[in-house]
């Protein structure tokens, strides 16, 4: 069926059986009646753009071949009775309502699971997913007998991938914890081991950690905290964990510093975990 030299035409369709190929490179199909009949396609349908204005209530759509959809902007509501989709459907605005059947989410191998009691899709938060992807890493370093008013440092070099860190600082006595951005050490020190927290993937991050460095320029202090722990020979020690949602910049040096304020030599430790984004 074709129209030649026709700018606009209205067609009332009850049942359309297409036994060849129906192709539409451009233009649009506008459905104003909410209840069409049955469309059976014996071949393939290649659709460029199908804007649907209003509500779309198909009774049955059977396709015996391939359906290739370019763009389907849906403005309003879309309530299919039977609508198998093996590719992707983009909804510009409005809603998608399923009156019956089910939606299956799969990567082609694994089918997403649904809780049998709540009927809700099982999911985990993004940070936890990083464990499974092998993109959560950890490094730590102990600093024994740091002199009073002395400092312990760990340098983190971020590569081309931003990282989201969490930081735990502990001291045998009271101490000040600080985080600096843009450090420029005179000596980089010794590289510290960084471990993938998923011990099956054992990935290596772009970010690197260093200890026993000679500090040149610390850079800009962007975070600070107090580690309470007392002073003197009977100090009880303390720990402070920084869980703020930082995303450290790419190709930058960051220095973690602990300054001993415990009134004597104290042991200290830095624990640094991060996600690669």
Foldseek 3Di string as FASTA:
>chain_A
DDDPPDDDDDDQAAEDEAQEEAEDQDDEDEDDDQEHHEYEYNEEYEEAEYEYPEEHEYPDYHYNYYYHYRAYEYDEEYEYADDDDPDDHDYPDYDYDYPDDDDWDDPVPDTFDADPPVRHTDDDDPVVVLLVVLFKKKFKDKDFFAWAQGKWKKKKFAAPWWKWKKKKKKKQAKKKKWKAKAWDFPFQAAWTDMFRNNVVVGDDHPMTMHTPTHGDGQHHTDDMDIFHFAADPPTRIGMDMGNDGDTDDHRIMMMIMITHNRHGTMMMMMMMMIGTD
